[in-house]
Structure formats: C-alpha cells, structure tokens
Amino acid sequence: MEERTGIVTMRGNPVTLVGKELKVGDKAPDFEVLTNDLKPVKLSSYKGKICIISSVPSLDTPVCDIQTRRFNKEAASLSADTVILTLSVDLPFAQKRGAELPVWKR
C-alpha cells in the first residue's frame, strides 16, 4: 500500500494517508462499507448510476453537519440516476441522526 505524508494535518499534527491518490477523471476503486443497519454494500452495486461520494470524519461535528446539510440541499436538484453516498466513521446511532437531516433520497 502506498503511504503519503505531509499532505494533511489534524489539529496541526501530520496524518499519513494510505492508498493511491485519486485524480480527476480516475475511476474510483471498488470498496465495501457498512450501511446504517450494518449491512455491507459495495460501490460496484451502484453500477450504471452516477455516484457522488461525500466523506466526512463525523456527522457529530459542526463542520461536517454543515457540509452534509448543504450537500443534501444542493443534491436535491440532481437527476434520478444520481446516488449520493455520505461516508463517515460514525456508529449507526450517529449516522441515523445524520440521516434525519434534510436528505435527498432517490
């Protein structure tokens, strides 16, 4: 696995990123995450759809909450062929609170 350092900090401390850097136009690698009900889902299960991925550290932080609310508001105007995936490291109870935000769902 490729490690990248000196790119990102958290609270002023450097964080090591692991994995190949994606660039505009790159195809996203397939990955698996858990849904709010702890069921695994792969990115490839959305084949044929336009997938927009929003990644936040935690929906319980003010910046992530604001970002997710704004993102959902803007996403409401997108086509039915578009799927929005918001990824966080939150536990299901926090994700459920996040899912109760005004969310665009298809």
Protein backbone atom coordinates (compact mmCIF):
# COMPACT_ATOMS: atom_id res chain seq x y z
CA MET A 1 0.00 0.00 0.00
CA GLU A 2 1.25 3.43 -0.91
CA GLU A 3 1.69 5.86 2.01
CA ARG A 4 1.59 9.63 1.54
CA THR A 5 2.74 12.04 4.22
CA GLY A 6 2.92 15.80 4.61
CA ILE A 7 -0.36 16.41 2.74
CA VAL A 8 -2.94 16.55 5.54
CA THR A 9 -2.87 17.54 9.19
CA MET A 10 -5.33 17.00 12.00
CA ARG A 11 -5.18 19.56 14.80
CA GLY A 12 -1.79 20.60 13.47
CA ASN A 13 -0.36 17.07 13.51
CA PRO A 14 0.61 15.33 10.26
CA VAL A 15 -1.57 12.39 9.22
CA THR A 16 -0.36 9.60 6.94
CA LEU A 17 -2.69 8.82 4.05
CA VAL A 18 -2.73 5.24 2.79
CA GLY A 19 -3.60 4.30 -0.77
CA LYS A 20 -3.18 5.66 -4.25
CA GLU A 21 -4.21 9.29 -4.73
CA LEU A 22 -7.23 9.65 -6.99
CA LYS A 23 -7.14 12.38 -9.58
CA VAL A 24 -9.96 13.99 -11.56
CA GLY A 25 -11.08 11.52 -14.20
CA ASP A 26 -9.77 8.43 -12.39
CA LYS A 27 -12.18 5.54 -11.92
CA ALA A 28 -12.86 5.01 -8.22
CA PRO A 29 -11.72 1.63 -6.94
CA ASP A 30 -14.44 -0.72 -5.73
CA PHE A 31 -14.81 -0.65 -1.96
CA GLU A 32 -17.14 -2.02 0.66
CA VAL A 33 -18.72 -0.07 3.52
CA LEU A 34 -21.48 -0.74 6.01
CA THR A 35 -24.94 0.79 5.76
CA ASN A 36 -26.65 2.31 8.81
CA ASP A 37 -28.15 -1.12 9.52
CA LEU A 38 -24.65 -2.67 9.37
CA LYS A 39 -25.17 -4.44 6.04
CA PRO A 40 -22.19 -4.45 3.66
CA VAL A 41 -22.57 -2.65 0.33
CA LYS A 42 -20.02 -2.23 -2.46
CA LEU A 43 -19.59 0.76 -4.73
CA SER A 44 -19.98 -1.66 -7.66
CA SER A 45 -23.58 -2.32 -6.58
CA TYR A 46 -24.42 1.13 -8.00
CA LYS A 47 -23.14 0.26 -11.48
CA GLY A 48 -24.88 2.34 -14.14
CA LYS A 49 -25.58 5.19 -11.72
CA ILE A 50 -23.70 8.43 -11.21
CA CYS A 51 -22.22 8.17 -7.70
CA ILE A 52 -21.20 11.21 -5.73
CA ILE A 53 -19.26 10.41 -2.57
CA SER A 54 -19.16 12.85 0.33
CA SER A 55 -16.70 11.85 3.01
CA VAL A 56 -16.76 13.39 6.48
CA PRO A 57 -14.95 12.37 9.67
CA SER A 58 -18.09 12.60 11.83
CA LEU A 59 -21.63 13.88 11.40
CA ASP A 60 -21.45 14.98 15.05
CA THR A 61 -19.02 17.80 14.28
CA PRO A 62 -20.28 21.27 13.33
CA VAL A 63 -18.35 21.49 10.04
CA CYS A 64 -19.40 18.01 8.89
CA ASP A 65 -23.02 18.73 9.85
CA ILE A 66 -22.99 21.98 7.86
CA GLN A 67 -21.28 20.29 4.90
CA THR A 68 -23.78 17.42 4.84
CA ARG A 69 -26.81 19.71 5.12
CA ARG A 70 -25.52 21.94 2.31
CA PHE A 71 -24.56 18.97 0.18
CA ASN A 72 -28.02 17.40 0.57
CA LYS A 73 -29.71 20.69 -0.30
CA GLU A 74 -27.64 21.08 -3.49
CA ALA A 75 -28.07 17.40 -4.41
CA ALA A 76 -31.86 17.73 -4.48
CA SER A 77 -31.63 19.17 -8.00
CA LEU A 78 -29.69 16.22 -9.45
CA SER A 79 -31.18 13.55 -11.72
CA ALA A 80 -32.71 10.29 -10.53
CA ASP A 81 -29.67 8.49 -11.98
CA THR A 82 -27.52 10.07 -9.28
CA VAL A 83 -26.75 8.34 -5.98
CA ILE A 84 -25.31 10.28 -3.04
CA LEU A 85 -23.15 8.34 -0.59
CA THR A 86 -22.11 10.12 2.60
CA LEU A 87 -19.33 8.18 4.30
CA SER A 88 -18.24 8.70 7.91
CA VAL A 89 -16.69 6.68 10.71
CA ASP A 90 -19.72 7.27 12.92
CA LEU A 91 -21.53 4.47 14.70
CA PRO A 92 -25.05 3.66 13.47
CA PHE A 93 -26.82 5.82 16.09
CA ALA A 94 -24.91 8.91 14.94
CA GLN A 95 -25.44 8.01 11.28
CA LYS A 96 -29.17 7.69 11.99
CA ARG A 97 -29.18 11.23 13.38
CA GLY A 98 -27.30 12.32 10.27
CA ALA A 99 -29.84 10.51 8.08
CA GLU A 100 -32.57 12.53 9.77
CA LEU A 101 -31.04 15.71 8.41
CA PRO A 102 -32.96 17.09 5.45
CA VAL A 103 -31.77 14.49 2.98
CA TRP A 104 -32.33 13.99 -0.70
CA LYS A 105 -33.27 10.38 -1.34
CA ARG A 106 -33.92 8.50 -4.56
